Amino acid sequence: MATPELRQLRYFLVLAEELSFTRAAARLMIAQQSLSQQITALERLLGVRLFDRDSRGTTLTDIGALFVAEARAVTDRADEAVAVVGRAHRGEVGSLSLAFLTSVANHLLPPVVRAVRDQLPDLRLATESVTIAPLVEGVLAGRYDAAFTRTPLVPGLQSRTLATEPVCAVLPEGHPLAERAELNLADLANEPWVMTPRSSWEPWHRAYDDQFREAGFVPDIVQEEANVQSLLGLVAAGIGVTRLARSARSLRRTGVVFVPLTGASARTEVVWLAGNTPPALHRLLDVVTELAATTDLTETG
């Protein structure tokens, strides 16, 4: 048996509600003759009579009354399918895989995920906290749709800045310079340093080299740790000093003091593969851009 057209089912349902070809045709904005032809074609296709027509008017047959619920289920499902396609086109449904740099995940992941869930409740998010090298590799390879990170300083990625904050000298409590309101990088020339290893992300360390060179010294690095929390622990233990974005204060509240470095700032960005902008990613970028405009993402969590 051939399948009825959606148009025929919609015509049938309107006529079933109005029980008048004249009123139904007017509601559908078609000629009464066209409506009659479509209903006749539907009845012929189904091999049953859906309506009784006589001088007293139009009434549903028993089979026609049963068919109302079935026809409505089909048209409702078709409407839902069209709505889902429209929402997918607008980026309101689907799934995204997001990476968060470990040093920003603590304060950035909660507000980002909350904002996306509030505004796009049917967009599924998979999140992962990773270090910079696998983060960049994952975005370039397509494993992550987007990543929230410090500026990675590599080609092939598009980015949008979400927040800019001071870079601070991180000193142990009681350090002679801890009471200063601001420091120059050169003020730390004679201090022992604890830093991330160069192998953790070469582009950042090349930038650090330039900054230390401009300050007139090469840092005496006494210990290396890839984890920012470990660096903070070493500073608190008095092993050395380091430099971090101010938001790293959220990772340790005691034993260390953050003093802004003159003229130094760090950007938090959302990055994605150049040319990769599916609708869901486009909507996510809109949401996080709006969030960044109304919220200090360096002080959240």
Protein backbone atom coordinates (compact mmCIF):
# COMPACT_ATOMS: atom_id res chain seq x y z
CA MET A 1 0.00 0.00 0.00
CA ALA A 2 1.24 3.46 -0.87
CA THR A 3 1.86 5.90 1.95
CA PRO A 4 -0.34 9.00 2.33
CA GLU A 5 1.31 12.35 1.84
CA LEU A 6 1.76 14.59 4.88
CA ARG A 7 -0.31 17.20 3.08
CA GLN A 8 -3.24 14.79 2.84
CA LEU A 9 -2.98 13.93 6.52
CA ARG A 10 -2.95 17.61 7.48
CA TYR A 11 -5.97 18.26 5.27
CA PHE A 12 -7.75 15.29 6.88
CA LEU A 13 -7.07 16.56 10.41
CA VAL A 14 -8.36 20.06 9.67
CA LEU A 15 -11.51 18.67 8.13
CA ALA A 16 -11.92 16.32 11.10
CA GLU A 17 -11.83 19.35 13.39
CA GLU A 18 -14.10 21.60 11.32
CA LEU A 19 -16.47 18.94 9.91
CA SER A 20 -17.18 21.40 7.13
CA PHE A 21 -15.48 21.47 3.74
CA THR A 22 -16.19 25.17 3.47
CA ARG A 23 -14.62 26.10 6.81
CA ALA A 24 -11.72 23.65 6.41
CA ALA A 25 -10.88 24.94 2.92
CA ALA A 26 -10.93 28.51 4.19
CA ARG A 27 -8.67 27.60 7.13
CA LEU A 28 -6.26 25.81 4.80
CA MET A 29 -6.49 28.65 2.28
CA ILE A 30 -7.19 26.30 -0.61
CA ALA A 31 -10.18 25.83 -2.91
CA GLN A 32 -12.97 23.65 -1.54
CA GLN A 33 -12.77 21.49 -4.67
CA SER A 34 -9.05 20.85 -4.07
CA LEU A 35 -9.75 19.80 -0.49
CA SER A 36 -12.49 17.43 -1.62
CA GLN A 37 -10.18 15.90 -4.23
CA GLN A 38 -7.40 15.33 -1.69
CA ILE A 39 -9.74 13.71 0.85
CA THR A 40 -11.19 11.46 -1.86
CA ALA A 41 -7.65 10.49 -2.92
CA LEU A 42 -6.73 9.70 0.70
CA GLU A 43 -9.81 7.52 1.16
CA ARG A 44 -9.07 5.71 -2.09
CA LEU A 45 -5.46 5.15 -1.02
CA LEU A 46 -6.52 3.73 2.36
CA GLY A 47 -9.42 1.78 0.93
CA VAL A 48 -11.83 3.12 3.55
CA ARG A 49 -14.37 5.92 3.95
CA LEU A 50 -13.22 8.50 6.47
CA PHE A 51 -16.17 10.87 6.29
CA ASP A 52 -19.89 10.57 5.71
CA ARG A 53 -21.20 13.37 3.54
CA ASP A 54 -24.93 14.04 3.23
CA SER A 55 -27.37 16.90 3.19
CA ARG A 56 -27.02 17.33 6.94
CA GLY A 57 -23.27 17.90 6.68
CA THR A 58 -19.97 16.09 7.16
CA THR A 59 -19.25 13.58 9.95
CA LEU A 60 -16.40 11.23 10.74
CA THR A 61 -16.96 7.53 10.22
CA ASP A 62 -15.93 5.20 13.03
CA ILE A 63 -12.75 4.38 11.09
CA GLY A 64 -12.18 8.07 10.45
CA ALA A 65 -12.42 8.80 14.16
CA LEU A 66 -9.83 6.10 14.85
CA PHE A 67 -7.58 7.48 12.15
CA VAL A 68 -7.45 10.96 13.76
CA ALA A 69 -5.03 9.91 16.51
CA GLU A 70 -2.80 8.02 14.07
CA ALA A 71 -2.69 10.87 11.58
CA ARG A 72 -1.95 13.37 14.32
CA ALA A 73 0.92 11.22 15.63
CA VAL A 74 2.47 11.17 12.15
CA THR A 75 2.15 14.91 11.56
CA ASP A 76 3.38 15.71 15.07
CA ARG A 77 6.43 13.51 14.55
CA ALA A 78 7.10 15.19 11.21
CA ASP A 79 6.86 18.60 12.89
CA GLU A 80 9.26 17.45 15.60
CA ALA A 81 11.74 16.21 13.00
CA VAL A 82 11.61 19.55 11.18
CA ALA A 83 12.07 21.37 14.50
CA VAL A 84 15.10 19.22 15.39
CA VAL A 85 16.70 19.93 12.03
CA GLY A 86 16.11 23.64 12.55
CA ARG A 87 17.60 23.54 16.03
CA ALA A 88 20.59 21.58 14.76
CA HIS A 89 21.08 24.18 12.03
CA ARG A 90 21.05 26.86 14.73
CA GLY A 91 23.53 24.86 16.83
CA GLU A 92 21.08 24.21 19.66
CA VAL A 93 21.40 20.41 19.61
CA GLY A 94 24.29 18.03 19.03
CA SER A 95 27.49 17.36 20.95
CA LEU A 96 30.85 19.03 21.44
CA SER A 97 34.12 17.83 22.95
CA LEU A 98 35.91 20.53 24.93
CA ALA A 99 39.40 20.60 26.42
CA PHE A 100 40.38 22.84 29.32
CA LEU A 101 44.00 23.63 30.10
CA THR A 102 44.68 22.21 33.55
CA SER A 103 45.80 25.57 34.95
CA VAL A 104 42.55 27.31 33.93
CA ALA A 105 40.05 24.47 34.39
CA ASN A 106 39.58 25.14 38.10
CA HIS A 107 38.13 28.62 37.59
CA LEU A 108 36.96 28.48 33.97
CA LEU A 109 35.25 25.11 33.46
CA PRO A 110 32.35 25.64 35.92
CA PRO A 111 31.04 28.96 34.53
CA VAL A 112 31.48 27.88 30.92
CA VAL A 113 29.63 24.59 31.38
CA ARG A 114 26.88 26.28 33.44
CA ALA A 115 26.34 28.97 30.79
CA VAL A 116 26.15 26.46 27.95
CA ARG A 117 23.75 24.19 29.83
CA ASP A 118 21.53 27.13 30.78
CA GLN A 119 21.29 28.48 27.24
CA LEU A 120 21.68 25.30 25.20
CA PRO A 121 20.28 22.51 27.40
CA ASP A 122 20.14 19.99 24.54
CA LEU A 123 23.77 20.49 23.51
CA ARG A 124 25.80 17.64 25.03
CA LEU A 125 29.27 18.52 26.30
CA ALA A 126 32.21 16.21 26.92
CA THR A 127 34.94 17.99 28.89
CA GLU A 128 38.53 17.06 29.69
CA SER A 129 41.28 18.80 31.63
CA VAL A 130 44.63 18.39 29.87
CA THR A 131 48.07 19.96 29.65
CA ILE A 132 48.97 22.25 26.78
CA ALA A 133 50.70 19.80 24.42
CA PRO A 134 47.88 17.23 24.21
CA LEU A 135 45.36 20.09 24.17
CA VAL A 136 46.84 21.63 21.03
CA GLU A 137 47.42 18.23 19.43
CA GLY A 138 43.82 17.25 20.15
CA VAL A 139 42.36 20.40 18.59
CA LEU A 140 44.55 20.11 15.49
CA ALA A 141 43.63 16.43 15.12
CA GLY A 142 39.90 17.10 15.57
CA ARG A 143 39.54 15.19 18.86
CA TYR A 144 38.46 18.41 20.58
CA ASP A 145 36.02 20.81 18.94
CA ALA A 146 37.37 23.68 21.02
CA ALA A 147 39.74 24.29 23.91
CA PHE A 148 40.04 26.86 26.67
CA THR A 149 43.67 27.73 27.19
CA ARG A 150 46.39 30.29 27.49
CA THR A 151 47.51 31.63 24.12
CA PRO A 152 49.18 28.56 22.55
CA LEU A 153 51.42 30.54 20.15
CA VAL A 154 51.11 28.03 17.30
CA PRO A 155 49.67 28.28 13.76
CA GLY A 156 46.58 26.46 12.51
CA LEU A 157 44.20 27.60 15.23
CA GLN A 158 41.60 30.31 15.37
CA SER A 159 41.04 31.99 18.71
CA ARG A 160 38.89 34.40 20.64
CA THR A 161 40.16 36.15 23.77
CA LEU A 162 37.88 35.66 26.76
CA ALA A 163 39.89 37.33 29.52
CA THR A 164 43.12 39.22 30.09
CA GLU A 165 44.72 39.31 33.53
CA PRO A 166 47.98 40.35 35.19
CA VAL A 167 50.95 38.03 35.38
CA CYS A 168 52.31 37.95 38.91
CA ALA A 169 55.52 37.06 40.66
CA VAL A 170 54.68 34.23 43.06
CA LEU A 171 56.72 34.49 46.26
CA PRO A 172 56.73 32.54 49.54
CA GLU A 173 55.01 34.25 52.44
CA GLY A 174 57.51 36.38 54.35
CA HIS A 175 59.69 37.04 51.29
CA PRO A 176 61.31 40.52 51.42
CA LEU A 177 59.53 41.52 48.19
CA ALA A 178 56.12 40.13 49.17
CA GLU A 179 54.89 43.45 50.56
CA ARG A 180 55.52 45.34 47.33
CA ALA A 181 52.46 46.49 45.37
CA GLU A 182 54.18 45.71 42.06
CA LEU A 183 57.46 44.29 40.85
CA ASN A 184 59.59 44.43 37.74
CA LEU A 185 60.82 41.12 36.39
CA ALA A 186 64.37 42.43 36.90
CA ASP A 187 63.69 42.63 40.65
CA LEU A 188 63.79 38.82 40.67
CA ALA A 189 67.13 38.45 38.88
CA ASN A 190 68.93 37.07 41.95
CA GLU A 191 66.19 34.71 43.05
CA PRO A 192 66.14 30.91 42.59
CA TRP A 193 63.33 29.97 40.20
CA VAL A 194 60.95 27.04 39.89
CA MET A 195 59.37 26.66 36.46
CA THR A 196 57.69 24.26 34.10
CA PRO A 197 60.15 22.23 31.97
CA ARG A 198 60.87 23.54 28.50
CA SER A 199 59.60 20.27 27.10
CA SER A 200 56.11 21.02 28.45
CA TRP A 201 55.55 23.64 25.73
CA GLU A 202 58.45 25.07 23.76
CA PRO A 203 56.54 28.08 22.30
CA TRP A 204 55.83 29.45 25.77
CA HIS A 205 59.43 28.99 26.90
CA ARG A 206 60.75 30.84 23.86
CA ALA A 207 58.51 33.75 24.87
CA TYR A 208 59.81 33.49 28.46
CA ASP A 209 63.40 33.57 27.14
CA ASP A 210 62.68 36.86 25.37
CA GLN A 211 61.12 38.36 28.48
CA PHE A 212 63.99 37.35 30.75
CA ARG A 213 66.47 38.63 28.16
CA GLU A 214 64.72 42.01 28.10
CA ALA A 215 64.89 42.07 31.92
CA GLY A 216 68.64 41.53 31.69
CA PHE A 217 69.11 38.08 33.23
CA VAL A 218 68.86 34.34 32.77
CA PRO A 219 66.86 32.77 35.61
CA ASP A 220 68.55 30.34 37.97
CA ILE A 221 66.10 27.45 37.65
CA VAL A 222 66.59 25.17 40.64
CA GLN A 223 63.66 22.83 40.06
CA GLU A 224 61.09 22.08 37.34
CA GLU A 225 57.51 20.85 37.69
CA ALA A 226 54.97 20.47 34.91
CA ASN A 227 52.01 20.94 37.27
CA VAL A 228 51.10 24.47 38.37
CA GLN A 229 49.90 23.24 41.76
CA SER A 230 53.29 21.59 42.30
CA LEU A 231 55.03 24.86 41.41
CA LEU A 232 52.91 26.66 43.99
CA GLY A 233 53.83 24.03 46.54
CA LEU A 234 57.54 24.52 45.84
CA VAL A 235 57.18 28.29 46.23
CA ALA A 236 55.31 27.83 49.52
CA ALA A 237 58.16 25.57 50.68
CA GLY A 238 60.68 28.33 49.95
CA ILE A 239 62.45 26.46 47.14
CA GLY A 240 62.17 29.36 44.71
CA VAL A 241 59.94 31.93 43.05
CA THR A 242 57.93 31.67 39.86
CA ARG A 243 55.58 33.70 37.66
CA LEU A 244 51.96 32.80 36.95
CA ALA A 245 48.72 34.39 35.87
CA ARG A 246 46.87 35.94 38.80
CA SER A 247 43.98 33.44 38.53
CA ALA A 248 46.37 30.69 39.68
CA ARG A 249 45.64 32.01 43.18
CA SER A 250 42.53 29.80 43.10
CA LEU A 251 44.81 26.73 43.19
CA ARG A 252 46.50 27.66 46.48
CA ARG A 253 45.32 30.11 49.11
CA THR A 254 48.11 29.85 51.70
CA GLY A 255 51.89 29.95 51.80
CA VAL A 256 52.32 32.10 48.71
CA VAL A 257 51.92 35.74 47.75
CA PHE A 258 51.04 37.03 44.26
CA VAL A 259 52.59 40.38 43.31
CA PRO A 260 51.75 41.84 39.86
CA LEU A 261 54.64 42.19 37.42
CA THR A 262 54.80 45.54 35.64
CA GLY A 263 53.50 45.39 32.08
CA ALA A 264 52.94 41.62 32.07
CA SER A 265 49.59 40.08 31.19
CA ALA A 266 48.17 36.70 30.20
CA ARG A 267 45.24 35.97 27.91
CA THR A 268 42.72 33.18 28.29
CA GLU A 269 41.37 32.12 24.91
CA VAL A 270 38.97 29.69 23.35
CA VAL A 271 40.68 28.09 20.34
CA TRP A 272 39.45 25.85 17.56
CA LEU A 273 40.75 24.41 14.32
CA ALA A 274 40.81 26.96 11.52
CA GLY A 275 37.88 26.41 9.18
CA ASN A 276 36.01 24.16 11.64
CA THR A 277 32.85 26.02 12.62
CA PRO A 278 29.85 23.63 12.78
CA PRO A 279 26.64 25.28 14.02
CA ALA A 280 26.99 23.90 17.55
CA LEU A 281 30.50 25.31 17.87
CA HIS A 282 29.34 28.65 16.51
CA ARG A 283 26.62 28.81 19.17
CA LEU A 284 29.06 27.80 21.91
CA LEU A 285 31.38 30.61 20.86
CA ASP A 286 28.48 33.05 21.07
CA VAL A 287 27.58 31.85 24.56
CA VAL A 288 31.12 32.03 25.96
CA THR A 289 31.74 35.42 24.33
CA GLU A 290 28.61 36.78 26.02
CA LEU A 291 29.71 35.16 29.28
CA ALA A 292 33.14 36.78 29.05
CA ALA A 293 31.54 40.18 28.46
CA THR A 294 29.50 39.96 31.66
CA THR A 295 31.69 37.90 33.98
CA ASP A 296 35.27 38.11 35.21
CA LEU A 297 36.36 34.65 34.15
CA THR A 298 39.60 34.96 36.08
CA GLU A 299 37.74 35.15 39.38
CA THR A 300 35.01 32.54 38.89
CA GLY A 301 34.91 28.85 39.61
